[in-house]
Amino acid sequence: MPKRVLTGRVTSDKMDKTVTVLVDRRVMHPLYKKFIRRSKKYAAHDEANLCKTGDTVRIEECRPISKRKTWQVVERNGAPLGYAAAAASAAGASAANASAANVSAEGAPS
């Protein structure tokens, strides 16, 4: 079964590694056929504490992390929050800097 993915706005980032996300949806009234806004707040896991109040985030269902927290942030303002990818790119950047230092050291006259 695929994991549910919702998009909402961060309303609170005061907790450690947790954000409160307000998800709005529009439903049609059964009698009057007018669209009404319904909203719900979810507690979502934010491992790196990157999300701030007002950010638009995409949250994905995950295993229960605590009593209320069964969602985790996967995107912030359209940019993916791949913690493993971020670590890999940081490692790649440091490797590129190291190789650039080696090239400049080899190019220096002896």
PDB file of N, CA and C in Angstrom:
ATOM      1  N   MET A   1       0.844  -1.180   0.000  1.00  0.00           N
ATOM      2  CA  MET A   1       0.000   0.000   0.000  1.00  0.00           C
ATOM      3  C   MET A   1       0.890   1.244   0.000  1.00  0.00           C
ATOM      4  N   PRO A   2       0.636   2.195  -0.912  1.00  0.00           N
ATOM      5  CA  PRO A   2       1.491   3.382  -0.970  1.00  0.00           C
ATOM      6  C   PRO A   2       1.288   4.292   0.236  1.00  0.00           C
ATOM      7  N   LYS A   3       2.345   5.019   0.548  1.00  0.00           N
ATOM      8  CA  LYS A   3       2.274   5.960   1.667  1.00  0.00           C
ATOM      9  C   LYS A   3       1.518   7.205   1.242  1.00  0.00           C
ATOM     10  N   ARG A   4       0.696   7.744   2.154  1.00  0.00           N
ATOM     11  CA  ARG A   4      -0.027   8.966   1.848  1.00  0.00           C
ATOM     12  C   ARG A   4       0.925  10.152   1.908  1.00  0.00           C
ATOM     13  N   VAL A   5       0.723  11.102   1.019  1.00  0.00           N
ATOM     14  CA  VAL A   5       1.532  12.322   0.974  1.00  0.00           C
ATOM     15  C   VAL A   5       0.576  13.510   1.004  1.00  0.00           C
ATOM     16  N   LEU A   6       0.817  14.454   1.921  1.00  0.00           N
ATOM     17  CA  LEU A   6      -0.023  15.644   2.058  1.00  0.00           C
ATOM     18  C   LEU A   6       0.845  16.890   1.958  1.00  0.00           C
ATOM     19  N   THR A   7       0.238  17.986   1.532  1.00  0.00           N
ATOM     20  CA  THR A   7       0.939  19.269   1.450  1.00  0.00           C
ATOM     21  C   THR A   7       0.254  20.257   2.385  1.00  0.00           C
ATOM     22  N   GLY A   8       1.062  20.972   3.165  1.00  0.00           N
ATOM     23  CA  GLY A   8       0.498  21.934   4.101  1.00  0.00           C
ATOM     24  C   GLY A   8       1.481  23.022   4.459  1.00  0.00           C
ATOM     25  N   ARG A   9       1.102  23.836   5.451  1.00  0.00           N
ATOM     26  CA  ARG A   9       1.911  24.979   5.879  1.00  0.00           C
ATOM     27  C   ARG A   9       2.344  24.772   7.323  1.00  0.00           C
ATOM     28  N   VAL A  10       3.595  25.055   7.615  1.00  0.00           N
ATOM     29  CA  VAL A  10       4.119  24.910   8.981  1.00  0.00           C
ATOM     30  C   VAL A  10       3.538  26.028   9.843  1.00  0.00           C
ATOM     31  N   THR A  11       2.886  25.636  10.952  1.00  0.00           N
ATOM     32  CA  THR A  11       2.307  26.631  11.854  1.00  0.00           C
ATOM     33  C   THR A  11       3.116  26.774  13.131  1.00  0.00           C
ATOM     34  N   SER A  12       3.927  25.760  13.469  1.00  0.00           N
ATOM     35  CA  SER A  12       4.750  25.845  14.674  1.00  0.00           C
ATOM     36  C   SER A  12       6.018  25.028  14.476  1.00  0.00           C
ATOM     37  N   ASP A  13       7.146  25.619  14.872  1.00  0.00           N
ATOM     38  CA  ASP A  13       8.419  24.895  14.822  1.00  0.00           C
ATOM     39  C   ASP A  13       9.131  24.985  16.171  1.00  0.00           C
ATOM     40  N   LYS A  14       8.373  25.155  17.238  1.00  0.00           N
ATOM     41  CA  LYS A  14       8.949  25.360  18.566  1.00  0.00           C
ATOM     42  C   LYS A  14       9.494  24.078  19.189  1.00  0.00           C
ATOM     43  N   MET A  15       9.026  22.922  18.724  1.00  0.00           N
ATOM     44  CA  MET A  15       9.475  21.649  19.287  1.00  0.00           C
ATOM     45  C   MET A  15      10.772  21.198  18.630  1.00  0.00           C
ATOM     46  N   ASP A  16      11.497  20.341  19.300  1.00  0.00           N
ATOM     47  CA  ASP A  16      12.755  19.828  18.766  1.00  0.00           C
ATOM     48  C   ASP A  16      12.462  18.689  17.796  1.00  0.00           C
ATOM     49  N   LYS A  17      12.921  18.821  16.550  1.00  0.00           N
ATOM     50  CA  LYS A  17      12.763  17.826  15.497  1.00  0.00           C
ATOM     51  C   LYS A  17      11.301  17.532  15.155  1.00  0.00           C
ATOM     52  N   THR A  18      10.406  18.451  15.486  1.00  0.00           N
ATOM     53  CA  THR A  18       8.985  18.277  15.183  1.00  0.00           C
ATOM     54  C   THR A  18       8.397  19.603  14.723  1.00  0.00           C
ATOM     55  N   VAL A  19       7.557  19.551  13.699  1.00  0.00           N
ATOM     56  CA  VAL A  19       6.830  20.730  13.249  1.00  0.00           C
ATOM     57  C   VAL A  19       5.344  20.391  13.205  1.00  0.00           C
ATOM     58  N   THR A  20       4.513  21.407  13.401  1.00  0.00           N
ATOM     59  CA  THR A  20       3.076  21.241  13.261  1.00  0.00           C
ATOM     60  C   THR A  20       2.698  21.763  11.888  1.00  0.00           C
ATOM     61  N   VAL A  21       2.014  20.917  11.113  1.00  0.00           N
ATOM     62  CA  VAL A  21       1.668  21.249   9.735  1.00  0.00           C
ATOM     63  C   VAL A  21       0.153  21.329   9.612  1.00  0.00           C
ATOM     64  N   LEU A  22      -0.337  22.453   9.076  1.00  0.00           N
ATOM     65  CA  LEU A  22      -1.764  22.642   8.847  1.00  0.00           C
ATOM     66  C   LEU A  22      -2.069  22.268   7.400  1.00  0.00           C
ATOM     67  N   VAL A  23      -2.926  21.262   7.223  1.00  0.00           N
ATOM     68  CA  VAL A  23      -3.285  20.786   5.887  1.00  0.00           C
ATOM     69  C   VAL A  23      -4.727  21.204   5.608  1.00  0.00           C
ATOM     70  N   ASP A  24      -4.916  21.995   4.546  1.00  0.00           N
ATOM     71  CA  ASP A  24      -6.248  22.437   4.136  1.00  0.00           C
ATOM     72  C   ASP A  24      -6.749  21.557   3.001  1.00  0.00           C
ATOM     73  N   ARG A  25      -8.044  21.253   3.015  1.00  0.00           N
ATOM     74  CA  ARG A  25      -8.655  20.557   1.886  1.00  0.00           C
ATOM     75  C   ARG A  25     -10.021  21.164   1.636  1.00  0.00           C
ATOM     76  N   ARG A  26     -10.502  21.028   0.413  1.00  0.00           N
ATOM     77  CA  ARG A  26     -11.805  21.572   0.055  1.00  0.00           C
ATOM     78  C   ARG A  26     -12.762  20.418  -0.189  1.00  0.00           C
ATOM     79  N   VAL A  27     -13.904  20.443   0.500  1.00  0.00           N
ATOM     80  CA  VAL A  27     -14.916  19.410   0.313  1.00  0.00           C
ATOM     81  C   VAL A  27     -16.233  20.075  -0.077  1.00  0.00           C
ATOM     82  N   MET A  28     -17.033  19.352  -0.827  1.00  0.00           N
ATOM     83  CA  MET A  28     -18.320  19.894  -1.243  1.00  0.00           C
ATOM     84  C   MET A  28     -19.381  19.597  -0.183  1.00  0.00           C
ATOM     85  N   HIS A  29     -20.166  20.614   0.161  1.00  0.00           N
ATOM     86  CA  HIS A  29     -21.247  20.438   1.119  1.00  0.00           C
ATOM     87  C   HIS A  29     -22.289  19.513   0.497  1.00  0.00           C
ATOM     88  N   PRO A  30     -22.758  18.502   1.251  1.00  0.00           N
ATOM     89  CA  PRO A  30     -23.660  17.526   0.652  1.00  0.00           C
ATOM     90  C   PRO A  30     -25.008  18.092   0.203  1.00  0.00           C
ATOM     91  N   LEU A  31     -25.515  19.105   0.899  1.00  0.00           N
ATOM     92  CA  LEU A  31     -26.825  19.661   0.549  1.00  0.00           C
ATOM     93  C   LEU A  31     -26.711  20.886  -0.352  1.00  0.00           C
ATOM     94  N   TYR A  32     -25.822  21.827   0.024  1.00  0.00           N
ATOM     95  CA  TYR A  32     -25.753  23.105  -0.682  1.00  0.00           C
ATOM     96  C   TYR A  32     -24.769  23.107  -1.847  1.00  0.00           C
ATOM     97  N   LYS A  33     -23.988  22.063  -1.977  1.00  0.00           N
ATOM     98  CA  LYS A  33     -23.040  21.905  -3.096  1.00  0.00           C
ATOM     99  C   LYS A  33     -22.006  23.025  -3.173  1.00  0.00           C
ATOM    100  N   LYS A  34     -21.755  23.665  -2.059  1.00  0.00           N
ATOM    101  CA  LYS A  34     -20.738  24.706  -2.014  1.00  0.00           C
ATOM    102  C   LYS A  34     -19.459  24.098  -1.442  1.00  0.00           C
ATOM    103  N   PHE A  35     -18.303  24.528  -1.954  1.00  0.00           N
ATOM    104  CA  PHE A  35     -17.043  24.011  -1.444  1.00  0.00           C
ATOM    105  C   PHE A  35     -16.706  24.693  -0.122  1.00  0.00           C
ATOM    106  N   ILE A  36     -16.344  23.881   0.871  1.00  0.00           N
ATOM    107  CA  ILE A  36     -15.992  24.378   2.200  1.00  0.00           C
ATOM    108  C   ILE A  36     -14.548  23.983   2.486  1.00  0.00           C
ATOM    109  N   ARG A  37     -13.850  24.831   3.216  1.00  0.00           N
ATOM    110  CA  ARG A  37     -12.476  24.513   3.621  1.00  0.00           C
ATOM    111  C   ARG A  37     -12.493  23.713   4.915  1.00  0.00           C
ATOM    112  N   ARG A  38     -11.819  22.586   4.913  1.00  0.00           N
ATOM    113  CA  ARG A  38     -11.621  21.795   6.121  1.00  0.00           C
ATOM    114  C   ARG A  38     -10.124  21.726   6.361  1.00  0.00           C
ATOM    115  N   SER A  39      -9.722  21.838   7.621  1.00  0.00           N
ATOM    116  CA  SER A  39      -8.289  21.799   7.909  1.00  0.00           C
ATOM    117  C   SER A  39      -8.015  20.871   9.075  1.00  0.00           C
ATOM    118  N   LYS A  40      -6.793  20.345   9.092  1.00  0.00           N
ATOM    119  CA  LYS A  40      -6.368  19.460  10.161  1.00  0.00           C
ATOM    120  C   LYS A  40      -4.881  19.688  10.406  1.00  0.00           C
ATOM    121  N   LYS A  41      -4.478  19.575  11.669  1.00  0.00           N
ATOM    122  CA  LYS A  41      -3.070  19.751  12.020  1.00  0.00           C
ATOM    123  C   LYS A  41      -2.418  18.390  12.245  1.00  0.00           C
ATOM    124  N   TYR A  42      -1.215  18.239  11.720  1.00  0.00           N
ATOM    125  CA  TYR A  42      -0.439  17.020  11.885  1.00  0.00           C
ATOM    126  C   TYR A  42       0.901  17.370  12.520  1.00  0.00           C
ATOM    127  N   ALA A  43       1.388  16.490  13.383  1.00  0.00           N
ATOM    128  CA  ALA A  43       2.744  16.626  13.922  1.00  0.00           C
ATOM    129  C   ALA A  43       3.660  15.822  13.004  1.00  0.00           C
ATOM    130  N   ALA A  44       4.680  16.465  12.455  1.00  0.00           N
ATOM    131  CA  ALA A  44       5.571  15.809  11.499  1.00  0.00           C
ATOM    132  C   ALA A  44       7.010  15.884  11.981  1.00  0.00           C
ATOM    133  N   HIS A  45       7.781  14.849  11.655  1.00  0.00           N
ATOM    134  CA  HIS A  45       9.183  14.748  12.068  1.00  0.00           C
ATOM    135  C   HIS A  45      10.064  15.537  11.110  1.00  0.00           C
ATOM    136  N   ASP A  46      10.890  16.420  11.670  1.00  0.00           N
ATOM    137  CA  ASP A  46      11.835  17.231  10.891  1.00  0.00           C
ATOM    138  C   ASP A  46      13.216  17.001  11.496  1.00  0.00           C
ATOM    139  N   GLU A  47      13.928  16.025  10.967  1.00  0.00           N
ATOM    140  CA  GLU A  47      15.184  15.555  11.562  1.00  0.00           C
ATOM    141  C   GLU A  47      16.211  16.671  11.757  1.00  0.00           C
ATOM    142  N   ALA A  48      16.360  17.544  10.765  1.00  0.00           N
ATOM    143  CA  ALA A  48      17.420  18.553  10.815  1.00  0.00           C
ATOM    144  C   ALA A  48      16.948  19.909  11.355  1.00  0.00           C
ATOM    145  N   ASN A  49      15.717  20.015  11.799  1.00  0.00           N
ATOM    146  CA  ASN A  49      15.160  21.283  12.286  1.00  0.00           C
ATOM    147  C   ASN A  49      15.294  22.397  11.247  1.00  0.00           C
ATOM    148  N   LEU A  50      15.047  22.083   9.975  1.00  0.00           N
ATOM    149  CA  LEU A  50      15.187  23.070   8.905  1.00  0.00           C
ATOM    150  C   LEU A  50      13.926  23.886   8.679  1.00  0.00           C
ATOM    151  N   CYS A  51      12.765  23.309   8.925  1.00  0.00           N
ATOM    152  CA  CYS A  51      11.491  23.969   8.614  1.00  0.00           C
ATOM    153  C   CYS A  51      11.198  25.093   9.589  1.00  0.00           C
ATOM    154  N   LYS A  52      10.731  26.197   9.048  1.00  0.00           N
ATOM    155  CA  LYS A  52      10.363  27.364   9.853  1.00  0.00           C
ATOM    156  C   LYS A  52       8.881  27.671   9.646  1.00  0.00           C
ATOM    157  N   THR A  53       8.307  28.455  10.550  1.00  0.00           N
ATOM    158  CA  THR A  53       6.895  28.821  10.458  1.00  0.00           C
ATOM    159  C   THR A  53       6.622  29.536   9.135  1.00  0.00           C
ATOM    160  N   GLY A  54       5.574  29.105   8.436  1.00  0.00           N
ATOM    161  CA  GLY A  54       5.215  29.697   7.162  1.00  0.00           C
ATOM    162  C   GLY A  54       5.701  28.923   5.959  1.00  0.00           C
ATOM    163  N   ASP A  55       6.609  27.973   6.136  1.00  0.00           N
ATOM    164  CA  ASP A  55       7.099  27.164   5.017  1.00  0.00           C
ATOM    165  C   ASP A  55       5.989  26.261   4.491  1.00  0.00           C
ATOM    166  N   THR A  56       6.000  26.037   3.186  1.00  0.00           N
ATOM    167  CA  THR A  56       5.105  25.046   2.591  1.00  0.00           C
ATOM    168  C   THR A  56       5.867  23.738   2.516  1.00  0.00           C
ATOM    169  N   VAL A  57       5.320  22.698   3.135  1.00  0.00           N
ATOM    170  CA  VAL A  57       6.025  21.418   3.213  1.00  0.00           C
ATOM    171  C   VAL A  57       5.145  20.294   2.689  1.00  0.00           C
ATOM    172  N   ARG A  58       5.798  19.229   2.273  1.00  0.00           N
ATOM    173  CA  ARG A  58       5.103  18.004   1.885  1.00  0.00           C
ATOM    174  C   ARG A  58       5.481  16.953   2.920  1.00  0.00           C
ATOM    175  N   ILE A  59       4.464  16.312   3.507  1.00  0.00           N
ATOM    176  CA  ILE A  59       4.713  15.312   4.543  1.00  0.00           C
ATOM    177  C   ILE A  59       4.256  13.945   4.050  1.00  0.00           C
ATOM    178  N   GLU A  60       4.957  12.905   4.509  1.00  0.00           N
ATOM    179  CA  GLU A  60       4.680  11.546   4.083  1.00  0.00           C
ATOM    180  C   GLU A  60       4.447  10.667   5.304  1.00  0.00           C
ATOM    181  N   GLU A  61       3.509   9.759   5.177  1.00  0.00           N
ATOM    182  CA  GLU A  61       3.199   8.840   6.264  1.00  0.00           C
ATOM    183  C   GLU A  61       4.406   7.949   6.536  1.00  0.00           C
ATOM    184  N   CYS A  62       4.654   7.660   7.808  1.00  0.00           N
ATOM    185  CA  CYS A  62       5.771   6.791   8.178  1.00  0.00           C
ATOM    186  C   CYS A  62       5.389   5.977   9.409  1.00  0.00           C
ATOM    187  N   ARG A  63       6.324   5.203   9.900  1.00  0.00           N
ATOM    188  CA  ARG A  63       6.071   4.424  11.109  1.00  0.00           C
ATOM    189  C   ARG A  63       5.853   5.372  12.281  1.00  0.00           C
ATOM    190  N   PRO A  64       5.156   4.935  13.340  1.00  0.00           N
ATOM    191  CA  PRO A  64       4.962   5.833  14.490  1.00  0.00           C
ATOM    192  C   PRO A  64       6.291   6.189  15.154  1.00  0.00           C
ATOM    193  N   ILE A  65       6.547   7.475  15.279  1.00  0.00           N
ATOM    194  CA  ILE A  65       7.770   7.955  15.928  1.00  0.00           C
ATOM    195  C   ILE A  65       7.481   8.267  17.385  1.00  0.00           C
ATOM    196  N   SER A  66       6.276   8.732  17.670  1.00  0.00           N
ATOM    197  CA  SER A  66       5.829   8.980  19.038  1.00  0.00           C
ATOM    198  C   SER A  66       4.308   8.812  19.057  1.00  0.00           C
ATOM    199  N   LYS A  67       3.691   9.210  20.141  1.00  0.00           N
ATOM    200  CA  LYS A  67       2.241   9.027  20.277  1.00  0.00           C
ATOM    201  C   LYS A  67       1.455   9.752  19.181  1.00  0.00           C
ATOM    202  N   ARG A  68       1.861  10.977  18.870  1.00  0.00           N
ATOM    203  CA  ARG A  68       1.140  11.793  17.887  1.00  0.00           C
ATOM    204  C   ARG A  68       1.822  11.877  16.532  1.00  0.00           C
ATOM    205  N   LYS A  69       3.077  11.467  16.456  1.00  0.00           N
ATOM    206  CA  LYS A  69       3.883  11.748  15.275  1.00  0.00           C
ATOM    207  C   LYS A  69       4.027  10.505  14.394  1.00  0.00           C
ATOM    208  N   THR A  70       3.287  10.484  13.271  1.00  0.00           N
ATOM    209  CA  THR A  70       3.397   9.383  12.315  1.00  0.00           C
ATOM    210  C   THR A  70       3.620   9.906  10.896  1.00  0.00           C
ATOM    211  N   TRP A  71       4.137  11.115  10.795  1.00  0.00           N
ATOM    212  CA  TRP A  71       4.425  11.746   9.504  1.00  0.00           C
ATOM    213  C   TRP A  71       5.836  12.305   9.540  1.00  0.00           C
ATOM    214  N   GLN A  72       6.480  12.368   8.369  1.00  0.00           N
ATOM    215  CA  GLN A  72       7.800  13.004   8.297  1.00  0.00           C
ATOM    216  C   GLN A  72       7.850  13.945   7.103  1.00  0.00           C
ATOM    217  N   VAL A  73       8.625  15.008   7.259  1.00  0.00           N
ATOM    218  CA  VAL A  73       8.747  16.020   6.212  1.00  0.00           C
ATOM    219  C   VAL A  73       9.664  15.473   5.120  1.00  0.00           C
ATOM    220  N   VAL A  74       9.194  15.536   3.860  1.00  0.00           N
ATOM    221  CA  VAL A  74      10.013  15.061   2.746  1.00  0.00           C
ATOM    222  C   VAL A  74      10.401  16.187   1.793  1.00  0.00           C
ATOM    223  N   GLU A  75       9.664  17.312   1.831  1.00  0.00           N
ATOM    224  CA  GLU A  75       9.970  18.443   0.954  1.00  0.00           C
ATOM    225  C   GLU A  75       9.706  19.737   1.686  1.00  0.00           C
ATOM    226  N   ARG A  76      10.552  20.735   1.462  1.00  0.00           N
ATOM    227  CA  ARG A  76      10.363  22.051   2.077  1.00  0.00           C
ATOM    228  C   ARG A  76      10.484  23.112   0.998  1.00  0.00           C
ATOM    229  N   ASN A  77       9.420  23.888   0.791  1.00  0.00           N
ATOM    230  CA  ASN A  77       9.370  24.939  -0.243  1.00  0.00           C
ATOM    231  C   ASN A  77       9.784  24.406  -1.613  1.00  0.00           C
ATOM    232  N   GLY A  78       9.364  23.186  -1.938  1.00  0.00           N
ATOM    233  CA  GLY A  78       9.636  22.601  -3.245  1.00  0.00           C
ATOM    234  C   GLY A  78      10.968  21.885  -3.362  1.00  0.00           C
ATOM    235  N   ALA A  79      11.828  21.990  -2.360  1.00  0.00           N
ATOM    236  CA  ALA A  79      13.130  21.326  -2.410  1.00  0.00           C
ATOM    237  C   ALA A  79      13.097  20.067  -1.544  1.00  0.00           C
ATOM    238  N   PRO A  80      13.519  18.919  -2.084  1.00  0.00           N
ATOM    239  CA  PRO A  80      13.481  17.687  -1.292  1.00  0.00           C
ATOM    240  C   PRO A  80      14.422  17.751  -0.097  1.00  0.00           C
ATOM    241  N   LEU A  81      14.002  17.141   1.005  1.00  0.00           N
ATOM    242  CA  LEU A  81      14.820  17.105   2.220  1.00  0.00           C
ATOM    243  C   LEU A  81      15.438  15.731   2.368  1.00  0.00           C
ATOM    244  N   GLY A  82      16.219  15.303   1.407  1.00  0.00           N
ATOM    245  CA  GLY A  82      16.873  14.004   1.506  1.00  0.00           C
ATOM    246  C   GLY A  82      18.066  14.130   2.426  1.00  0.00           C
ATOM    247  N   TYR A  83      17.917  13.669   3.682  1.00  0.00           N
ATOM    248  CA  TYR A  83      19.002  13.805   4.649  1.00  0.00           C
ATOM    249  C   TYR A  83      20.210  12.997   4.196  1.00  0.00           C
ATOM    250  N   ALA A  84      19.984  11.815   3.651  1.00  0.00           N
ATOM    251  CA  ALA A  84      21.090  10.993   3.155  1.00  0.00           C
ATOM    252  C   ALA A  84      21.708  11.642   1.922  1.00  0.00           C
ATOM    253  N   ALA A  85      20.861  12.195   1.053  1.00  0.00           N
ATOM    254  CA  ALA A  85      21.362  12.859  -0.155  1.00  0.00           C
ATOM    255  C   ALA A  85      22.170  14.099   0.214  1.00  0.00           C
ATOM    256  N   ALA A  86      21.718  14.831   1.225  1.00  0.00           N
ATOM    257  CA  ALA A  86      22.443  16.024   1.656  1.00  0.00           C
ATOM    258  C   ALA A  86      23.808  15.643   2.216  1.00  0.00           C
ATOM    259  N   ALA A  87      23.851  14.556   2.977  1.00  0.00           N
ATOM    260  CA  ALA A  87      25.125  14.107   3.534  1.00  0.00           C
ATOM    261  C   ALA A  87      26.059  13.648   2.426  1.00  0.00           C
ATOM    262  N   ALA A  88      25.502  12.953   1.423  1.00  0.00           N
ATOM    263  CA  ALA A  88      26.317  12.476   0.312  1.00  0.00           C
ATOM    264  C   ALA A  88      26.851  13.650  -0.506  1.00  0.00           C
ATOM    265  N   SER A  89      26.011  14.659  -0.749  1.00  0.00           N
ATOM    266  CA  SER A  89      26.471  15.806  -1.525  1.00  0.00           C
ATOM    267  C   SER A  89      27.524  16.597  -0.747  1.00  0.00           C
ATOM    268  N   ALA A  90      27.379  16.661   0.565  1.00  0.00           N
ATOM    269  CA  ALA A  90      28.382  17.338   1.380  1.00  0.00           C
ATOM    270  C   ALA A  90      29.703  16.577   1.333  1.00  0.00           C
ATOM    271  N   ALA A  91      29.613  15.254   1.374  1.00  0.00           N
ATOM    272  CA  ALA A  91      30.826  14.441   1.291  1.00  0.00           C
ATOM    273  C   ALA A  91      31.461  14.587  -0.091  1.00  0.00           C
ATOM    274  N   GLY A  92      30.620  14.640  -1.128  1.00  0.00           N
ATOM    275  CA  GLY A  92      31.115  14.833  -2.490  1.00  0.00           C
ATOM    276  C   GLY A  92      31.776  16.186  -2.649  1.00  0.00           C
ATOM    277  N   ALA A  93      31.224  17.208  -2.026  1.00  0.00           N
ATOM    278  CA  ALA A  93      31.789  18.551  -2.116  1.00  0.00           C
ATOM    279  C   ALA A  93      33.146  18.600  -1.421  1.00  0.00           C
ATOM    280  N   SER A  94      33.254  17.933  -0.262  1.00  0.00           N
ATOM    281  CA  SER A  94      34.539  17.936   0.433  1.00  0.00           C
ATOM    282  C   SER A  94      35.571  17.123  -0.347  1.00  0.00           C
ATOM    283  N   ALA A  95      35.131  16.043  -1.018  1.00  0.00           N
ATOM    284  CA  ALA A  95      36.044  15.255  -1.841  1.00  0.00           C
ATOM    285  C   ALA A  95      36.508  16.084  -3.038  1.00  0.00           C
ATOM    286  N   ALA A  96      35.604  16.873  -3.631  1.00  0.00           N
ATOM    287  CA  ALA A  96      35.970  17.722  -4.767  1.00  0.00           C
ATOM    288  C   ALA A  96      36.973  18.790  -4.327  1.00  0.00           C
ATOM    289  N   ASN A  97      36.766  19.355  -3.146  1.00  0.00           N
ATOM    290  CA  ASN A  97      37.711  20.351  -2.630  1.00  0.00           C
ATOM    291  C   ASN A  97      39.068  19.721  -2.366  1.00  0.00           C
ATOM    292  N   ALA A  98      39.067  18.499  -1.854  1.00  0.00           N
ATOM    293  CA  ALA A  98      40.327  17.808  -1.577  1.00  0.00           C
ATOM    294  C   ALA A  98      41.058  17.501  -2.875  1.00  0.00           C
ATOM    295  N   SER A  99      40.317  17.057  -3.916  1.00  0.00           N
ATOM    296  CA  SER A  99      40.968  16.754  -5.188  1.00  0.00           C
ATOM    297  C   SER A  99      41.493  18.041  -5.834  1.00  0.00           C
ATOM    298  N   ALA A 100      40.791  19.157  -5.680  1.00  0.00           N
ATOM    299  CA  ALA A 100      41.274  20.430  -6.213  1.00  0.00           C
ATOM    300  C   ALA A 100      42.553  20.849  -5.491  1.00  0.00           C
ATOM    301  N   ALA A 101      42.639  20.592  -4.204  1.00  0.00           N
ATOM    302  CA  ALA A 101      43.841  20.918  -3.443  1.00  0.00           C
ATOM    303  C   ALA A 101      45.000  20.048  -3.904  1.00  0.00           C
ATOM    304  N   ASN A 102      44.724  18.762  -4.195  1.00  0.00           N
ATOM    305  CA  ASN A 102      45.778  17.856  -4.685  1.00  0.00           C
ATOM    306  C   ASN A 102      46.294  18.311  -6.041  1.00  0.00           C
ATOM    307  N   VAL A 103      45.395  18.742  -6.923  1.00  0.00           N
ATOM    308  CA  VAL A 103      45.792  19.194  -8.250  1.00  0.00           C
ATOM    309  C   VAL A 103      46.681  20.419  -8.128  1.00  0.00           C
ATOM    310  N   SER A 104      46.296  21.374  -7.256  1.00  0.00           N
ATOM    311  CA  SER A 104      47.108  22.580  -7.133  1.00  0.00           C
ATOM    312  C   SER A 104      48.450  22.275  -6.488  1.00  0.00           C
ATOM    313  N   ALA A 105      48.485  21.267  -5.604  1.00  0.00           N
ATOM    314  CA  ALA A 105      49.750  20.898  -4.965  1.00  0.00           C
ATOM    315  C   ALA A 105      50.672  20.218  -5.962  1.00  0.00           C
ATOM    316  N   GLU A 106      50.097  19.395  -6.864  1.00  0.00           N
ATOM    317  CA  GLU A 106      50.909  18.717  -7.871  1.00  0.00           C
ATOM    318  C   GLU A 106      51.414  19.688  -8.929  1.00  0.00           C
ATOM    319  N   GLY A 107      50.627  20.720  -9.213  1.00  0.00           N
ATOM    320  CA  GLY A 107      51.001  21.682 -10.237  1.00  0.00           C
ATOM    321  C   GLY A 107      52.076  22.649  -9.783  1.00  0.00           C
ATOM    322  N   ALA A 108      52.352  22.702  -8.487  1.00  0.00           N
ATOM    323  CA  ALA A 108      53.342  23.637  -7.959  1.00  0.00           C
ATOM    324  C   ALA A 108      54.758  23.141  -8.314  1.00  0.00           C
ATOM    325  N   PRO A 109      55.687  24.037  -8.665  1.00  0.00           N
ATOM    326  CA  PRO A 109      57.057  23.598  -8.993  1.00  0.00           C
ATOM    327  C   PRO A 109      57.770  23.067  -7.751  1.00  0.00           C
ATOM    328  N   SER A 110      58.601  22.037  -7.985  1.00  0.00           N
ATOM    329  CA  SER A 110      59.312  21.402  -6.870  1.00  0.00           C
ATOM    330  C   SER A 110      60.646  22.042  -6.617  1.00  0.00           C
TER     331      SER A 110
END
